[in-house]
PDB file of all heavy atoms in Angstrom:
ATOM      1  N   ARG A   1     190.319  47.305 -37.123  1.00  0.00           N
ATOM      2  CA  ARG A   1     190.385  47.691 -35.696  1.00  0.00           C
ATOM      3  C   ARG A   1     191.665  47.165 -35.068  1.00  0.00           C
ATOM      4  O   ARG A   1     191.948  45.964 -35.122  1.00  0.00           O
ATOM      5  CB  ARG A   1     189.199  47.122 -34.932  1.00  0.00           C
ATOM      6  CG  ARG A   1     189.153  47.421 -33.465  1.00  0.00           C
ATOM      7  CD  ARG A   1     187.856  47.027 -32.809  1.00  0.00           C
ATOM      8  NE  ARG A   1     187.530  45.646 -33.003  1.00  0.00           N
ATOM      9  CZ  ARG A   1     188.002  44.695 -32.226  1.00  0.00           C
ATOM     10  NH1 ARG A   1     188.896  44.961 -31.249  1.00  0.00           N
ATOM     11  NH2 ARG A   1     187.640  43.427 -32.402  1.00  0.00           N
ATOM     12  N   ASN A   2     192.417  48.056 -34.508  1.00  0.00           N
ATOM     13  CA  ASN A   2     193.697  47.705 -33.907  1.00  0.00           C
ATOM     14  C   ASN A   2     193.649  47.605 -32.394  1.00  0.00           C
ATOM     15  O   ASN A   2     194.554  47.024 -31.788  1.00  0.00           O
ATOM     16  CB  ASN A   2     194.774  48.716 -34.297  1.00  0.00           C
ATOM     17  CG  ASN A   2     195.012  48.773 -35.799  1.00  0.00           C
ATOM     18  OD1 ASN A   2     195.033  47.711 -36.456  1.00  0.00           O
ATOM     19  ND2 ASN A   2     195.178  49.937 -36.330  1.00  0.00           N
ATOM     20  N   ASN A   3     192.636  48.165 -31.767  1.00  0.00           N
ATOM     21  CA  ASN A   3     192.510  48.108 -30.302  1.00  0.00           C
ATOM     22  C   ASN A   3     192.173  46.707 -29.825  1.00  0.00           C
ATOM     23  O   ASN A   3     191.384  45.968 -30.417  1.00  0.00           O
ATOM     24  CB  ASN A   3     191.520  49.121 -29.802  1.00  0.00           C
ATOM     25  CG  ASN A   3     190.184  49.058 -30.503  1.00  0.00           C
ATOM     26  OD1 ASN A   3     190.104  49.271 -31.662  1.00  0.00           O
ATOM     27  ND2 ASN A   3     189.118  48.740 -29.747  1.00  0.00           N
ATOM     28  N   VAL A   4     192.763  46.293 -28.744  1.00  0.00           N
ATOM     29  CA  VAL A   4     192.563  44.958 -28.175  1.00  0.00           C
ATOM     30  C   VAL A   4     191.161  44.879 -27.584  1.00  0.00           C
ATOM     31  O   VAL A   4     190.447  43.924 -27.742  1.00  0.00           O
ATOM     32  CB  VAL A   4     193.637  44.628 -27.113  1.00  0.00           C
ATOM     33  CG1 VAL A   4     193.359  43.286 -26.479  1.00  0.00           C
ATOM     34  CG2 VAL A   4     195.026  44.649 -27.769  1.00  0.00           C
ATOM     35  N   ILE A   5     190.793  45.879 -26.806  1.00  0.00           N
ATOM     36  CA  ILE A   5     189.443  45.914 -26.174  1.00  0.00           C
ATOM     37  C   ILE A   5     188.466  46.603 -27.122  1.00  0.00           C
ATOM     38  O   ILE A   5     188.700  47.719 -27.551  1.00  0.00           O
ATOM     39  CB  ILE A   5     189.482  46.681 -24.848  1.00  0.00           C
ATOM     40  CG1 ILE A   5     190.439  45.981 -23.877  1.00  0.00           C
ATOM     41  CG2 ILE A   5     188.118  46.761 -24.244  1.00  0.00           C
ATOM     42  CD1 ILE A   5     190.625  46.703 -22.545  1.00  0.00           C
ATOM     43  N   PRO A   6     187.394  45.926 -27.512  1.00  0.00           N
ATOM     44  CA  PRO A   6     186.380  46.586 -28.365  1.00  0.00           C
ATOM     45  C   PRO A   6     185.786  47.842 -27.714  1.00  0.00           C
ATOM     46  O   PRO A   6     185.492  47.853 -26.561  1.00  0.00           O
ATOM     47  CB  PRO A   6     185.290  45.520 -28.504  1.00  0.00           C
ATOM     48  CG  PRO A   6     185.952  44.215 -28.128  1.00  0.00           C
ATOM     49  CD  PRO A   6     187.012  44.578 -27.133  1.00  0.00           C
ATOM     50  N   HIS A   7     185.698  48.902 -28.529  1.00  0.00           N
ATOM     51  CA  HIS A   7     185.112  50.131 -28.084  1.00  0.00           C
ATOM     52  C   HIS A   7     183.691  50.285 -28.640  1.00  0.00           C
ATOM     53  O   HIS A   7     183.516  50.242 -29.894  1.00  0.00           O
ATOM     54  CB  HIS A   7     185.983  51.340 -28.505  1.00  0.00           C
ATOM     55  CG  HIS A   7     187.267  51.484 -27.701  1.00  0.00           C
ATOM     56  ND1 HIS A   7     187.456  52.513 -26.813  1.00  0.00           N
ATOM     57  CD2 HIS A   7     188.353  50.703 -27.627  1.00  0.00           C
ATOM     58  CE1 HIS A   7     188.648  52.379 -26.306  1.00  0.00           C
ATOM     59  NE2 HIS A   7     189.211  51.288 -26.717  1.00  0.00           N
ATOM     60  N   LEU A   8     182.735  50.492 -27.793  1.00  0.00           N
ATOM     61  CA  LEU A   8     181.353  50.688 -28.230  1.00  0.00           C
ATOM     62  C   LEU A   8     181.071  52.185 -28.194  1.00  0.00           C
ATOM     63  O   LEU A   8     181.063  52.801 -27.140  1.00  0.00           O
ATOM     64  CB  LEU A   8     180.375  49.955 -27.317  1.00  0.00           C
ATOM     65  CG  LEU A   8     180.635  48.419 -27.152  1.00  0.00           C
ATOM     66  CD1 LEU A   8     179.588  47.807 -26.233  1.00  0.00           C
ATOM     67  CD2 LEU A   8     180.667  47.735 -28.499  1.00  0.00           C
ATOM     68  N   LEU A   9     180.799  52.766 -29.344  1.00  0.00           N
ATOM     69  CA  LEU A   9     180.517  54.202 -29.406  1.00  0.00           C
ATOM     70  C   LEU A   9     179.016  54.444 -29.415  1.00  0.00           C
ATOM     71  O   LEU A   9     178.305  53.976 -30.279  1.00  0.00           O
ATOM     72  CB  LEU A   9     181.128  54.775 -30.684  1.00  0.00           C
ATOM     73  CG  LEU A   9     180.894  56.299 -30.901  1.00  0.00           C
ATOM     74  CD1 LEU A   9     181.532  57.095 -29.805  1.00  0.00           C
ATOM     75  CD2 LEU A   9     181.423  56.700 -32.281  1.00  0.00           C
ATOM     76  N   PHE A  10     178.516  55.108 -28.369  1.00  0.00           N
ATOM     77  CA  PHE A  10     177.114  55.450 -28.264  1.00  0.00           C
ATOM     78  C   PHE A  10     176.919  56.868 -28.817  1.00  0.00           C
ATOM     79  O   PHE A  10     177.240  57.844 -28.210  1.00  0.00           O
ATOM     80  CB  PHE A  10     176.599  55.373 -26.818  1.00  0.00           C
ATOM     81  CG  PHE A  10     175.156  55.599 -26.643  1.00  0.00           C
ATOM     82  CD1 PHE A  10     174.272  54.639 -26.977  1.00  0.00           C
ATOM     83  CD2 PHE A  10     174.705  56.807 -26.111  1.00  0.00           C
ATOM     84  CE1 PHE A  10     172.912  54.852 -26.811  1.00  0.00           C
ATOM     85  CE2 PHE A  10     173.353  56.989 -25.924  1.00  0.00           C
ATOM     86  CZ  PHE A  10     172.432  56.031 -26.292  1.00  0.00           C
ATOM     87  N   LEU A  11     176.511  56.949 -30.067  1.00  0.00           N
ATOM     88  CA  LEU A  11     176.403  58.221 -30.760  1.00  0.00           C
ATOM     89  C   LEU A  11     174.963  58.736 -30.704  1.00  0.00           C
ATOM     90  O   LEU A  11     174.180  58.562 -31.644  1.00  0.00           O
ATOM     91  CB  LEU A  11     176.818  58.052 -32.235  1.00  0.00           C
ATOM     92  CG  LEU A  11     176.986  59.320 -33.067  1.00  0.00           C
ATOM     93  CD1 LEU A  11     178.061  60.221 -32.481  1.00  0.00           C
ATOM     94  CD2 LEU A  11     177.371  58.940 -34.492  1.00  0.00           C
ATOM     95  N   SER A  12     174.621  59.320 -29.585  1.00  0.00           N
ATOM     96  CA  SER A  12     173.271  59.845 -29.376  1.00  0.00           C
ATOM     97  C   SER A  12     173.184  60.678 -28.143  1.00  0.00           C
ATOM     98  O   SER A  12     174.163  60.768 -27.380  1.00  0.00           O
ATOM     99  CB  SER A  12     172.273  58.640 -29.264  1.00  0.00           C
ATOM    100  OG  SER A  12     170.950  59.108 -29.094  1.00  0.00           O
ATOM    101  N   ASN A  13     172.044  61.315 -27.958  1.00  0.00           N
ATOM    102  CA  ASN A  13     171.806  62.022 -26.708  1.00  0.00           C
ATOM    103  C   ASN A  13     171.651  61.002 -25.588  1.00  0.00           C
ATOM    104  O   ASN A  13     171.104  59.896 -25.788  1.00  0.00           O
ATOM    105  CB  ASN A  13     170.491  62.856 -26.803  1.00  0.00           C
ATOM    106  CG  ASN A  13     170.643  63.989 -27.788  1.00  0.00           C
ATOM    107  OD1 ASN A  13     171.683  64.623 -27.860  1.00  0.00           O
ATOM    108  ND2 ASN A  13     169.582  64.252 -28.520  1.00  0.00           N
ATOM    109  N   LEU A  14     172.160  61.312 -24.399  1.00  0.00           N
ATOM    110  CA  LEU A  14     172.121  60.398 -23.256  1.00  0.00           C
ATOM    111  C   LEU A  14     170.754  60.453 -22.597  1.00  0.00           C
ATOM    112  O   LEU A  14     170.569  61.022 -21.541  1.00  0.00           O
ATOM    113  CB  LEU A  14     173.257  60.693 -22.274  1.00  0.00           C
ATOM    114  CG  LEU A  14     174.621  60.324 -22.770  1.00  0.00           C
ATOM    115  CD1 LEU A  14     175.724  60.839 -21.868  1.00  0.00           C
ATOM    116  CD2 LEU A  14     174.772  58.869 -23.028  1.00  0.00           C
ATOM    117  N   LEU A  15     169.755  59.917 -23.257  1.00  0.00           N
ATOM    118  CA  LEU A  15     168.395  59.859 -22.761  1.00  0.00           C
ATOM    119  C   LEU A  15     167.921  58.400 -22.717  1.00  0.00           C
ATOM    120  O   LEU A  15     168.342  57.589 -23.526  1.00  0.00           O
ATOM    121  CB  LEU A  15     167.466  60.654 -23.685  1.00  0.00           C
ATOM    122  CG  LEU A  15     167.788  62.133 -23.874  1.00  0.00           C
ATOM    123  CD1 LEU A  15     166.882  62.742 -24.958  1.00  0.00           C
ATOM    124  CD2 LEU A  15     167.595  62.894 -22.557  1.00  0.00           C
ATOM    125  N   ILE A  16     167.056  58.086 -21.744  1.00  0.00           N
ATOM    126  CA  ILE A  16     166.526  56.745 -21.657  1.00  0.00           C
ATOM    127  C   ILE A  16     165.827  56.321 -22.940  1.00  0.00           C
ATOM    128  O   ILE A  16     165.958  55.228 -23.412  1.00  0.00           O
ATOM    129  CB  ILE A  16     165.560  56.620 -20.460  1.00  0.00           C
ATOM    130  CG1 ILE A  16     166.338  56.775 -19.144  1.00  0.00           C
ATOM    131  CG2 ILE A  16     164.777  55.296 -20.476  1.00  0.00           C
ATOM    132  CD1 ILE A  16     165.502  56.770 -17.933  1.00  0.00           C
ATOM    133  N   SER A  17     165.086  57.297 -23.557  1.00  0.00           N
ATOM    134  CA  SER A  17     164.349  57.005 -24.794  1.00  0.00           C
ATOM    135  C   SER A  17     165.288  56.670 -25.954  1.00  0.00           C
ATOM    136  O   SER A  17     164.859  56.047 -26.918  1.00  0.00           O
ATOM    137  CB  SER A  17     163.466  58.165 -25.145  1.00  0.00           C
ATOM    138  OG  SER A  17     164.246  59.361 -25.373  1.00  0.00           O
ATOM    139  N   LYS A  18     166.572  57.045 -25.851  1.00  0.00           N
ATOM    140  CA  LYS A  18     167.539  56.750 -26.922  1.00  0.00           C
ATOM    141  C   LYS A  18     168.214  55.418 -26.708  1.00  0.00           C
ATOM    142  O   LYS A  18     169.067  55.011 -27.513  1.00  0.00           O
ATOM    143  CB  LYS A  18     168.559  57.883 -26.989  1.00  0.00           C
ATOM    144  CG  LYS A  18     168.017  59.260 -27.392  1.00  0.00           C
ATOM    145  CD  LYS A  18     167.546  59.228 -28.841  1.00  0.00           C
ATOM    146  CE  LYS A  18     167.085  60.627 -29.272  1.00  0.00           C
ATOM    147  NZ  LYS A  18     166.641  60.633 -30.646  1.00  0.00           N
ATOM    148  N   GLY A  19     167.881  54.713 -25.643  1.00  0.00           N
ATOM    149  CA  GLY A  19     168.428  53.411 -25.431  1.00  0.00           C
ATOM    150  C   GLY A  19     169.667  53.295 -24.570  1.00  0.00           C
ATOM    151  O   GLY A  19     170.364  52.289 -24.638  1.00  0.00           O
ATOM    152  N   VAL A  20     169.969  54.330 -23.778  1.00  0.00           N
ATOM    153  CA  VAL A  20     171.179  54.289 -22.988  1.00  0.00           C
ATOM    154  C   VAL A  20     171.126  53.193 -21.943  1.00  0.00           C
ATOM    155  O   VAL A  20     172.152  52.599 -21.626  1.00  0.00           O
ATOM    156  CB  VAL A  20     171.426  55.715 -22.315  1.00  0.00           C
ATOM    157  CG1 VAL A  20     170.335  56.025 -21.285  1.00  0.00           C
ATOM    158  CG2 VAL A  20     172.795  55.745 -21.712  1.00  0.00           C
ATOM    159  N   ILE A  21     169.924  52.887 -21.409  1.00  0.00           N
ATOM    160  CA  ILE A  21     169.805  51.766 -20.444  1.00  0.00           C
ATOM    161  C   ILE A  21     170.085  50.444 -21.170  1.00  0.00           C
ATOM    162  O   ILE A  21     170.709  49.540 -20.548  1.00  0.00           O
ATOM    163  CB  ILE A  21     168.400  51.797 -19.795  1.00  0.00           C
ATOM    164  CG1 ILE A  21     168.145  53.106 -19.065  1.00  0.00           C
ATOM    165  CG2 ILE A  21     168.270  50.605 -18.859  1.00  0.00           C
ATOM    166  CD1 ILE A  21     169.132  53.389 -17.974  1.00  0.00           C
ATOM    167  N   VAL A  22     169.655  50.317 -22.390  1.00  0.00           N
ATOM    168  CA  VAL A  22     169.938  49.104 -23.159  1.00  0.00           C
ATOM    169  C   VAL A  22     171.422  48.941 -23.330  1.00  0.00           C
ATOM    170  O   VAL A  22     172.002  47.863 -23.191  1.00  0.00           O
ATOM    171  CB  VAL A  22     169.250  49.161 -24.535  1.00  0.00           C
ATOM    172  CG1 VAL A  22     169.638  47.946 -25.367  1.00  0.00           C
ATOM    173  CG2 VAL A  22     167.720  49.207 -24.357  1.00  0.00           C
ATOM    174  N   LEU A  23     172.105  50.056 -23.605  1.00  0.00           N
ATOM    175  CA  LEU A  23     173.558  50.054 -23.698  1.00  0.00           C
ATOM    176  C   LEU A  23     174.207  49.548 -22.426  1.00  0.00           C
ATOM    177  O   LEU A  23     175.098  48.697 -22.447  1.00  0.00           O
ATOM    178  CB  LEU A  23     174.087  51.450 -24.081  1.00  0.00           C
ATOM    179  CG  LEU A  23     175.638  51.615 -24.027  1.00  0.00           C
ATOM    180  CD1 LEU A  23     176.308  50.776 -25.120  1.00  0.00           C
ATOM    181  CD2 LEU A  23     176.004  53.073 -24.145  1.00  0.00           C
ATOM    182  N   LEU A  24     173.777  50.092 -21.268  1.00  0.00           N
ATOM    183  CA  LEU A  24     174.325  49.710 -19.990  1.00  0.00           C
ATOM    184  C   LEU A  24     174.066  48.259 -19.691  1.00  0.00           C
ATOM    185  O   LEU A  24     174.929  47.541 -19.166  1.00  0.00           O
ATOM    186  CB  LEU A  24     173.803  50.644 -18.913  1.00  0.00           C
ATOM    187  CG  LEU A  24     174.133  52.118 -19.015  1.00  0.00           C
ATOM    188  CD1 LEU A  24     173.435  52.883 -17.923  1.00  0.00           C
ATOM    189  CD2 LEU A  24     175.661  52.315 -18.923  1.00  0.00           C
ATOM    190  N   ASP A  25     172.873  47.799 -20.015  1.00  0.00           N
ATOM    191  CA  ASP A  25     172.524  46.358 -19.817  1.00  0.00           C
ATOM    192  C   ASP A  25     173.420  45.471 -20.687  1.00  0.00           C
ATOM    193  O   ASP A  25     173.871  44.430 -20.280  1.00  0.00           O
ATOM    194  CB  ASP A  25     171.051  46.102 -20.095  1.00  0.00           C
ATOM    195  CG  ASP A  25     170.119  46.629 -19.030  1.00  0.00           C
ATOM    196  OD1 ASP A  25     170.608  46.907 -17.896  1.00  0.00           O
ATOM    197  OD2 ASP A  25     168.925  46.788 -19.294  1.00  0.00           O
ATOM    198  N   THR A  26     173.679  45.939 -21.908  1.00  0.00           N
ATOM    199  CA  THR A  26     174.536  45.194 -22.832  1.00  0.00           C
ATOM    200  C   THR A  26     175.941  45.062 -22.263  1.00  0.00           C
ATOM    201  O   THR A  26     176.556  43.993 -22.263  1.00  0.00           O
ATOM    202  CB  THR A  26     174.589  45.877 -24.201  1.00  0.00           C
ATOM    203  OG1 THR A  26     173.237  45.986 -24.711  1.00  0.00           O
ATOM    204  CG2 THR A  26     175.449  45.115 -25.180  1.00  0.00           C
ATOM    205  N   LEU A  27     176.471  46.185 -21.753  1.00  0.00           N
ATOM    206  CA  LEU A  27     177.799  46.186 -21.155  1.00  0.00           C
ATOM    207  C   LEU A  27     177.901  45.248 -19.961  1.00  0.00           C
ATOM    208  O   LEU A  27     178.885  44.543 -19.770  1.00  0.00           O
ATOM    209  CB  LEU A  27     178.219  47.624 -20.748  1.00  0.00           C
ATOM    210  CG  LEU A  27     178.396  48.646 -21.893  1.00  0.00           C
ATOM    211  CD1 LEU A  27     178.566  50.020 -21.323  1.00  0.00           C
ATOM    212  CD2 LEU A  27     179.529  48.244 -22.773  1.00  0.00           C
ATOM    213  N   ARG A  28     176.828  45.225 -19.126  1.00  0.00           N
ATOM    214  CA  ARG A  28     176.797  44.357 -17.965  1.00  0.00           C
ATOM    215  C   ARG A  28     176.821  42.914 -18.404  1.00  0.00           C
ATOM    216  O   ARG A  28     177.573  42.080 -17.847  1.00  0.00           O
ATOM    217  CB  ARG A  28     175.533  44.636 -17.141  1.00  0.00           C
ATOM    218  CG  ARG A  28     175.345  43.657 -15.974  1.00  0.00           C
ATOM    219  CD  ARG A  28     174.100  44.012 -15.189  1.00  0.00           C
ATOM    220  NE  ARG A  28     172.939  44.018 -16.019  1.00  0.00           N
ATOM    221  CZ  ARG A  28     172.300  42.937 -16.487  1.00  0.00           C
ATOM    222  NH1 ARG A  28     172.779  41.717 -16.164  1.00  0.00           N
ATOM    223  NH2 ARG A  28     171.243  43.022 -17.242  1.00  0.00           N
ATOM    224  N   ILE A  29     175.995  42.532 -19.408  1.00  0.00           N
ATOM    225  CA  ILE A  29     175.971  41.166 -19.891  1.00  0.00           C
ATOM    226  C   ILE A  29     177.276  40.741 -20.485  1.00  0.00           C
ATOM    227  O   ILE A  29     177.781  39.631 -20.207  1.00  0.00           O
ATOM    228  CB  ILE A  29     174.815  40.997 -20.980  1.00  0.00           C
ATOM    229  CG1 ILE A  29     173.462  41.186 -20.301  1.00  0.00           C
ATOM    230  CG2 ILE A  29     174.890  39.650 -21.631  1.00  0.00           C
ATOM    231  CD1 ILE A  29     172.316  41.331 -21.277  1.00  0.00           C
ATOM    232  N   LEU A  30     177.913  41.633 -21.266  1.00  0.00           N
ATOM    233  CA  LEU A  30     179.245  41.303 -21.857  1.00  0.00           C
ATOM    234  C   LEU A  30     180.266  41.099 -20.763  1.00  0.00           C
ATOM    235  O   LEU A  30     181.119  40.230 -20.872  1.00  0.00           O
ATOM    236  CB  LEU A  30     179.674  42.398 -22.790  1.00  0.00           C
ATOM    237  CG  LEU A  30     178.860  42.570 -24.123  1.00  0.00           C
ATOM    238  CD1 LEU A  30     179.266  43.826 -24.895  1.00  0.00           C
ATOM    239  CD2 LEU A  30     179.062  41.342 -25.013  1.00  0.00           C
ATOM    240  N   LYS A  31     180.196  41.944 -19.720  1.00  0.00           N
ATOM    241  CA  LYS A  31     181.119  41.811 -18.616  1.00  0.00           C
ATOM    242  C   LYS A  31     180.953  40.481 -17.890  1.00  0.00           C
ATOM    243  O   LYS A  31     181.940  39.820 -17.528  1.00  0.00           O
ATOM    244  CB  LYS A  31     180.968  42.973 -17.640  1.00  0.00           C
ATOM    245  CG  LYS A  31     181.933  42.967 -16.478  1.00  0.00           C
ATOM    246  CD  LYS A  31     181.696  44.180 -15.556  1.00  0.00           C
ATOM    247  CE  LYS A  31     182.682  44.165 -14.378  1.00  0.00           C
ATOM    248  NZ  LYS A  31     182.473  45.324 -13.477  1.00  0.00           N
ATOM    249  N   GLU A  32     179.697  40.079 -17.660  1.00  0.00           N
ATOM    250  CA  GLU A  32     179.391  38.857 -17.014  1.00  0.00           C
ATOM    251  C   GLU A  32     179.865  37.653 -17.820  1.00  0.00           C
ATOM    252  O   GLU A  32     180.245  36.644 -17.255  1.00  0.00           O
ATOM    253  CB  GLU A  32     177.880  38.720 -16.729  1.00  0.00           C
ATOM    254  CG  GLU A  32     177.329  39.698 -15.669  1.00  0.00           C
ATOM    255  CD  GLU A  32     175.851  39.667 -15.547  1.00  0.00           C
ATOM    256  OE1 GLU A  32     175.185  39.002 -16.422  1.00  0.00           O
ATOM    257  OE2 GLU A  32     175.295  40.296 -14.626  1.00  0.00           O
ATOM    258  N   LYS A  33     179.866  37.785 -19.140  1.00  0.00           N
ATOM    259  CA  LYS A  33     180.332  36.716 -20.016  1.00  0.00           C
ATOM    260  C   LYS A  33     181.838  36.740 -20.229  1.00  0.00           C
ATOM    261  O   LYS A  33     182.409  35.940 -20.951  1.00  0.00           O
ATOM    262  CB  LYS A  33     179.600  36.788 -21.370  1.00  0.00           C
ATOM    263  CG  LYS A  33     178.126  36.444 -21.247  1.00  0.00           C
ATOM    264  CD  LYS A  33     177.434  36.443 -22.626  1.00  0.00           C
ATOM    265  CE  LYS A  33     175.987  36.089 -22.515  1.00  0.00           C
ATOM    266  NZ  LYS A  33     175.819  34.653 -22.139  1.00  0.00           N
ATOM    267  N   GLY A  34     182.493  37.710 -19.640  1.00  0.00           N
ATOM    268  CA  GLY A  34     183.949  37.739 -19.707  1.00  0.00           C
ATOM    269  C   GLY A  34     184.514  38.530 -20.891  1.00  0.00           C
ATOM    270  O   GLY A  34     185.664  38.402 -21.228  1.00  0.00           O
ATOM    271  N   TYR A  35     183.690  39.352 -21.526  1.00  0.00           N
ATOM    272  CA  TYR A  35     184.113  40.145 -22.698  1.00  0.00           C
ATOM    273  C   TYR A  35     184.461  41.586 -22.229  1.00  0.00           C
ATOM    274  O   TYR A  35     183.554  42.314 -21.801  1.00  0.00           O
ATOM    275  CB  TYR A  35     183.055  40.212 -23.772  1.00  0.00           C
ATOM    276  CG  TYR A  35     182.741  38.818 -24.398  1.00  0.00           C
ATOM    277  CD1 TYR A  35     181.575  38.180 -24.011  1.00  0.00           C
ATOM    278  CD2 TYR A  35     183.618  38.253 -25.304  1.00  0.00           C
ATOM    279  CE1 TYR A  35     181.302  36.948 -24.597  1.00  0.00           C
ATOM    280  CE2 TYR A  35     183.293  36.992 -25.851  1.00  0.00           C
ATOM    281  CZ  TYR A  35     182.185  36.371 -25.509  1.00  0.00           C
ATOM    282  OH  TYR A  35     181.884  35.146 -26.036  1.00  0.00           O
ATOM    283  N   PRO A  36     185.683  41.998 -22.270  1.00  0.00           N
ATOM    284  CA  PRO A  36     186.008  43.355 -21.867  1.00  0.00           C
ATOM    285  C   PRO A  36     185.581  44.352 -22.944  1.00  0.00           C
ATOM    286  O   PRO A  36     185.734  44.128 -24.149  1.00  0.00           O
ATOM    287  CB  PRO A  36     187.544  43.338 -21.759  1.00  0.00           C
ATOM    288  CG  PRO A  36     187.982  42.278 -22.697  1.00  0.00           C
ATOM    289  CD  PRO A  36     186.870  41.218 -22.676  1.00  0.00           C
ATOM    290  N   THR A  37     185.014  45.473 -22.558  1.00  0.00           N
ATOM    291  CA  THR A  37     184.575  46.482 -23.462  1.00  0.00           C
ATOM    292  C   THR A  37     184.866  47.853 -22.889  1.00  0.00           C
ATOM    293  O   THR A  37     185.107  47.996 -21.686  1.00  0.00           O
ATOM    294  CB  THR A  37     183.042  46.423 -23.748  1.00  0.00           C
ATOM    295  OG1 THR A  37     182.313  46.555 -22.519  1.00  0.00           O
ATOM    296  CG2 THR A  37     182.671  45.113 -24.413  1.00  0.00           C
ATOM    297  N   SER A  38     184.856  48.868 -23.783  1.00  0.00           N
ATOM    298  CA  SER A  38     185.040  50.226 -23.312  1.00  0.00           C
ATOM    299  C   SER A  38     183.944  51.107 -23.944  1.00  0.00           C
ATOM    300  O   SER A  38     183.982  51.363 -25.156  1.00  0.00           O
ATOM    301  CB  SER A  38     186.418  50.759 -23.728  1.00  0.00           C
ATOM    302  OG  SER A  38     186.541  52.112 -23.404  1.00  0.00           O
ATOM    303  N   PRO A  39     182.943  51.534 -23.173  1.00  0.00           N
ATOM    304  CA  PRO A  39     181.878  52.361 -23.745  1.00  0.00           C
ATOM    305  C   PRO A  39     182.363  53.797 -23.929  1.00  0.00           C
ATOM    306  O   PRO A  39     182.957  54.381 -23.016  1.00  0.00           O
ATOM    307  CB  PRO A  39     180.756  52.311 -22.676  1.00  0.00           C
ATOM    308  CG  PRO A  39     181.489  52.071 -21.409  1.00  0.00           C
ATOM    309  CD  PRO A  39     182.705  51.219 -21.770  1.00  0.00           C
ATOM    310  N   ASP A  40     182.164  54.380 -25.071  1.00  0.00           N
ATOM    311  CA  ASP A  40     182.570  55.762 -25.353  1.00  0.00           C
ATOM    312  C   ASP A  40     181.390  56.549 -25.864  1.00  0.00           C
ATOM    313  O   ASP A  40     180.544  56.005 -26.599  1.00  0.00           O
ATOM    314  CB  ASP A  40     183.692  55.792 -26.362  1.00  0.00           C
ATOM    315  CG  ASP A  40     184.996  55.202 -25.795  1.00  0.00           C
ATOM    316  OD1 ASP A  40     185.332  55.567 -24.641  1.00  0.00           O
ATOM    317  OD2 ASP A  40     185.634  54.409 -26.469  1.00  0.00           O
ATOM    318  N   THR A  41     181.370  57.802 -25.598  1.00  0.00           N
ATOM    319  CA  THR A  41     180.425  58.726 -26.207  1.00  0.00           C
ATOM    320  C   THR A  41     181.211  59.838 -26.815  1.00  0.00           C
ATOM    321  O   THR A  41     182.375  60.101 -26.380  1.00  0.00           O
ATOM    322  CB  THR A  41     179.405  59.289 -25.209  1.00  0.00           C
ATOM    323  OG1 THR A  41     180.077  60.085 -24.240  1.00  0.00           O
ATOM    324  CG2 THR A  41     178.651  58.182 -24.491  1.00  0.00           C
TER     325      THR A  41
END
């Protein structure tokens, strides 16, 4: 991986049942801990 900011690829349909809210909660926690991320679909 050459990118400085880790990219999280959500490879699924954007449905609650597929865990998209879990993804968003994860991004929020990482942000609060000072970890920059870039969510991609």
